[in-house]
Amino acid sequence: QVQLVVSGGGLVQAGGSLRLSCVVPGSTFSINAMGWYRQAPGKQRQLVASITRGGDRTNYADSVKGRFTISRDNAKNTMYLQMNSLKPEDTAVYFCNSAPPKWGSWGQGTQVTVSS
């Protein structure tokens, strides 16, 4: 079972920044496209950003385009999400998984709370 370890969330004021990290131990990370997902209270989990396994192409949800940047370091089995100009509507639990998601254990994610 693949373990997905997410960190970096917290409480920040609107306009602030956070950087999330996702570590996937083992050899599965570098051979998979990866994605950041989020789930706000009462809403379905949604894909926020994705990145190809080589890191050469990225895609973003319209709601975060221009504010969030996804990246990865295959040597460290780590993916990042730099979140700038945060808005209250970015408040959610953030998860990582492959893109599309194929690992059933999503883990606890990391809470991001943006105050107005």
Protein backbone atom coordinates (compact mmCIF):
# COMPACT_ATOMS: atom_id res chain seq x y z
CA GLN A 1 0.00 0.00 0.00
CA VAL A 2 1.37 3.38 -1.02
CA GLN A 3 1.82 5.86 1.79
CA LEU A 4 1.14 9.49 1.02
CA VAL A 5 2.62 11.92 3.55
CA VAL A 6 1.41 15.49 3.21
CA SER A 7 2.61 18.45 5.25
CA GLY A 8 2.79 22.22 5.22
CA GLY A 9 -0.76 23.30 5.88
CA GLY A 10 -1.80 25.85 8.44
CA LEU A 11 -3.72 29.02 9.17
CA VAL A 12 -2.92 32.05 7.06
CA GLN A 13 -4.51 35.38 6.31
CA ALA A 14 -5.94 36.15 2.91
CA GLY A 15 -3.17 37.16 0.56
CA GLY A 16 -0.64 34.99 2.33
CA SER A 17 1.34 31.99 1.13
CA LEU A 18 1.90 28.38 2.08
CA ARG A 19 3.98 25.58 0.62
CA LEU A 20 2.72 22.03 0.80
CA SER A 21 4.86 18.93 0.45
CA CYS A 22 3.91 15.38 -0.47
CA VAL A 23 6.32 12.52 0.05
CA VAL A 24 5.70 9.13 -1.54
CA PRO A 25 8.31 6.66 -0.29
CA GLY A 26 9.51 4.01 -2.66
CA SER A 27 9.89 3.70 -6.38
CA THR A 28 6.30 4.43 -7.39
CA PHE A 29 6.60 8.20 -7.22
CA SER A 30 8.83 8.87 -10.19
CA ILE A 31 6.83 6.71 -12.60
CA ASN A 32 3.50 8.40 -11.96
CA ALA A 33 1.91 11.66 -12.89
CA MET A 34 0.90 13.32 -9.64
CA GLY A 35 -1.80 15.66 -8.47
CA TRP A 36 -2.84 17.87 -5.61
CA TYR A 37 -6.47 17.59 -4.58
CA ARG A 38 -8.57 19.42 -2.05
CA GLN A 39 -11.84 18.89 -0.26
CA ALA A 40 -13.74 21.71 1.36
CA PRO A 41 -16.44 21.01 3.97
CA GLY A 42 -19.57 19.70 2.34
CA LYS A 43 -17.97 19.49 -1.09
CA GLN A 44 -16.47 16.76 -3.21
CA ARG A 45 -12.75 16.33 -3.51
CA GLN A 46 -11.43 18.16 -6.56
CA LEU A 47 -8.21 18.17 -8.52
CA VAL A 48 -6.31 21.41 -7.99
CA ALA A 49 -3.16 20.81 -10.00
CA SER A 50 -1.34 18.00 -11.75
CA ILE A 51 2.15 17.38 -13.06
CA THR A 52 3.57 14.80 -15.43
CA ARG A 53 6.02 12.24 -14.13
CA GLY A 54 8.94 14.13 -15.64
CA GLY A 55 7.67 17.47 -14.40
CA ASP A 56 7.60 18.99 -17.86
CA ARG A 57 3.88 19.71 -18.02
CA THR A 58 1.47 21.03 -15.46
CA ASN A 59 -2.25 21.75 -15.32
CA TYR A 60 -4.29 23.82 -12.92
CA ALA A 61 -7.89 24.28 -11.98
CA ASP A 62 -9.13 27.66 -13.17
CA SER A 63 -9.72 28.73 -9.58
CA VAL A 64 -6.01 28.52 -8.72
CA LYS A 65 -4.37 29.33 -12.02
CA GLY A 66 -1.77 32.06 -11.65
CA ARG A 67 -1.64 31.67 -7.86
CA PHE A 68 -0.54 28.07 -7.27
CA THR A 69 2.53 26.34 -8.63
CA ILE A 70 3.01 22.57 -8.63
CA SER A 71 6.47 21.05 -8.85
CA ARG A 72 8.25 17.81 -8.06
CA ASP A 73 11.69 16.47 -7.21
CA ASN A 74 11.87 12.82 -8.27
CA ALA A 75 15.23 12.37 -6.54
CA LYS A 76 13.50 13.14 -3.23
CA ASN A 77 10.18 11.41 -4.04
CA THR A 78 8.55 14.73 -3.20
CA MET A 79 5.94 16.94 -4.79
CA TYR A 80 5.24 20.52 -3.82
CA LEU A 81 2.42 23.02 -4.08
CA GLN A 82 3.37 26.65 -3.68
CA MET A 83 0.23 28.59 -2.87
CA ASN A 84 0.33 32.37 -3.14
CA SER A 85 -2.35 35.04 -2.87
CA LEU A 86 -4.49 32.68 -0.84
CA LYS A 87 -8.20 33.33 -0.60
CA PRO A 88 -10.77 32.19 1.98
CA GLU A 89 -12.26 29.91 -0.68
CA ASP A 90 -8.97 27.99 -0.75
CA THR A 91 -9.79 26.68 2.73
CA ALA A 92 -9.87 22.89 2.52
CA VAL A 93 -8.03 19.72 3.37
CA TYR A 94 -5.35 19.16 0.76
CA PHE A 95 -4.31 15.71 -0.41
CA CYS A 96 -1.92 14.27 -2.92
CA ASN A 97 -2.30 11.22 -5.11
CA SER A 98 -1.41 10.09 -8.58
CA ALA A 99 -3.21 11.79 -11.43
CA PRO A 100 -5.66 10.31 -12.05
CA PRO A 101 -5.85 8.96 -8.51
CA LYS A 102 -5.22 5.25 -8.18
CA TRP A 103 -3.98 4.86 -4.64
CA GLY A 104 -6.89 4.08 -2.40
CA SER A 105 -5.41 5.30 0.86
CA TRP A 106 -5.55 9.08 0.69
CA GLY A 107 -4.16 9.66 4.15
CA GLN A 108 -5.24 12.52 6.40
CA GLY A 109 -4.12 15.31 4.14
CA THR A 110 -3.21 18.70 5.52
CA GLN A 111 -5.62 21.43 6.57
CA VAL A 112 -5.30 24.83 4.94
CA THR A 113 -7.37 27.59 6.49
CA VAL A 114 -7.41 31.07 5.01
CA SER A 115 -8.94 33.80 7.12
CA SER A 116 -10.45 36.94 5.62
